[in-house]
Amino acid sequence: TVKQQLQTQAGYSPLVLSEMDTIFMATYAAGNIINGKLGDTFNPTTILAIGLLGSGACLFLINVAIWFDFEGFSQTLGNFFILAVYFLFGFFQATGGPVGTAVMGNWFCDTGSVKNRGTIFGFWTCHQ
């Protein structure tokens, strides 16, 4: 699994990996509420684009931490950096659910689509 690879190849401890999960899920949960409101207040496609770009930037920063061996410089620095990135990553990932659903709802607004909206959204959410 990915966690085993992060332990053996990148040198992360099981404690840090569990902290990564906790921080990600906490900011993801809060981000669903906040990003849903942002998507209702501002242009939802812009909020979704910011979430996608932010998620990509976070993944890049995680790879930078592994490539440049931040753990090797200082274990505290490496752990703090990866946890800070995961904090942001959870928030950016949370744009997909509420804002993505709002954008998809705008695409399927004709009478035939409204009639089959449950089926359309059912197939769309199968990837989760």
Foldseek 3Di string as FASTA:
>chain_A
DVVVCCCPPLNDDPVLVVLLVVLLVVLLVVLLVVLLVVVVVDPLVVLLVVLVVLLVVLVVQLVVCRVVNVCVVPVVRSSVSNSVSSNSNSNSVNSCPNSVVVVVCVVQDDPVSVVCVVVVVVVVPPVD
